[in-house]
Amino acid sequence: MKHILVVLLLLYGCTTTTREPPSTFQELKKETIRSLENNCLLDIFWGRNLSYPFTDFRTYHFLRDLGAIGPSPTEWCRTYARERIV
């Protein structure tokens, strides 16, 4: 499962590099937020995001199985990116 996620992330990175640059401020803002979200998710996946309340995806799922409540990595990164780009 982890290998599939890594391959998908690499393929996504390859497809995003061939797109045209954003032409308006709103498009640039959306691209910046999307980039921050993706970088945040990669950092959480590899355990490099120290501000995320859980260590990584594995600890998130382990604690959720035990009944803990907290934001998913996707929810947390989405909020993080939107608060950074005002």
Protein backbone atom coordinates (compact mmCIF):
# COMPACT_ATOMS: atom_id res chain seq x y z
CA MET A 1 0.00 0.00 0.00
CA LYS A 2 2.80 2.42 0.88
CA HIS A 3 4.58 1.70 -2.38
CA ILE A 4 1.45 2.46 -4.38
CA LEU A 5 1.04 5.81 -2.59
CA VAL A 6 4.64 6.77 -3.30
CA VAL A 7 4.27 5.87 -6.99
CA LEU A 8 1.04 7.87 -7.22
CA LEU A 9 2.68 10.87 -5.56
CA LEU A 10 5.61 10.67 -7.97
CA LEU A 11 3.29 10.41 -10.96
CA TYR A 12 1.27 13.36 -9.69
CA GLY A 13 4.47 15.37 -9.43
CA CYS A 14 5.33 14.52 -13.03
CA THR A 15 1.93 15.62 -14.30
CA THR A 16 1.91 18.88 -12.37
CA THR A 17 5.24 20.01 -13.82
CA THR A 18 3.88 20.06 -17.39
CA ARG A 19 1.00 22.46 -16.69
CA GLU A 20 0.99 26.06 -17.78
CA PRO A 21 1.77 28.69 -15.15
CA PRO A 22 -1.19 30.44 -13.51
CA SER A 23 -2.26 33.66 -15.21
CA THR A 24 -4.29 35.39 -12.49
CA PHE A 25 -3.68 36.14 -8.83
CA GLN A 26 -6.49 33.77 -7.77
CA GLU A 27 -4.99 30.93 -9.81
CA LEU A 28 -1.57 31.64 -8.35
CA LYS A 29 -3.05 31.60 -4.85
CA LYS A 30 -4.80 28.26 -5.50
CA GLU A 31 -1.61 26.73 -6.92
CA THR A 32 0.39 27.94 -3.91
CA ILE A 33 -2.15 26.48 -1.47
CA ARG A 34 -2.19 23.18 -3.40
CA SER A 35 1.62 23.07 -3.37
CA LEU A 36 1.73 23.71 0.39
CA GLU A 37 -0.87 20.98 0.96
CA ASN A 38 1.12 18.47 -1.10
CA ASN A 39 4.41 19.32 0.61
CA CYS A 40 2.72 19.09 4.00
CA LEU A 41 1.29 15.64 3.16
CA LEU A 42 4.69 14.40 1.99
CA ASP A 43 6.30 15.68 5.19
CA ILE A 44 3.67 13.92 7.31
CA PHE A 45 4.04 10.74 5.27
CA TRP A 46 7.80 10.69 5.95
CA GLY A 47 7.42 11.86 9.58
CA ARG A 48 9.10 15.24 8.98
CA ASN A 49 6.23 17.58 9.96
CA LEU A 50 6.75 18.17 13.68
CA SER A 51 3.73 20.44 14.10
CA TYR A 52 1.23 17.75 13.04
CA PRO A 53 -0.44 16.41 16.21
CA PHE A 54 0.25 12.80 15.20
CA THR A 55 3.66 11.59 14.04
CA ASP A 56 2.73 10.26 10.59
CA PHE A 57 0.02 8.37 8.71
CA ARG A 58 0.76 5.14 10.56
CA THR A 59 0.34 6.67 14.03
CA TYR A 60 -2.78 8.50 12.86
CA HIS A 61 -4.45 5.24 11.79
CA PHE A 62 -3.20 3.40 14.87
CA LEU A 63 -4.61 6.04 17.23
CA ARG A 64 -7.88 6.28 15.26
CA ASP A 65 -8.29 2.51 15.63
CA LEU A 66 -7.89 2.98 19.40
CA GLY A 67 -10.63 5.63 19.37
CA ALA A 68 -8.58 8.83 19.42
CA ILE A 69 -10.05 11.90 17.76
CA GLY A 70 -7.96 14.22 15.64
CA PRO A 71 -7.60 15.70 12.19
CA SER A 72 -6.65 13.47 9.30
CA PRO A 73 -3.42 14.41 7.56
CA THR A 74 -5.40 15.75 4.59
CA GLU A 75 -7.68 17.89 6.78
CA TRP A 76 -4.76 19.19 8.80
CA CYS A 77 -2.68 20.10 5.73
CA ARG A 78 -5.62 21.76 4.01
CA THR A 79 -6.23 23.99 7.05
CA TYR A 80 -2.51 24.63 7.48
CA ALA A 81 -2.05 25.74 3.86
CA ARG A 82 -5.12 27.99 3.83
CA GLU A 83 -4.08 29.72 7.04
CA ARG A 84 -0.56 30.30 5.69
CA ILE A 85 -1.85 31.88 2.45
CA VAL A 86 -4.28 34.62 3.38
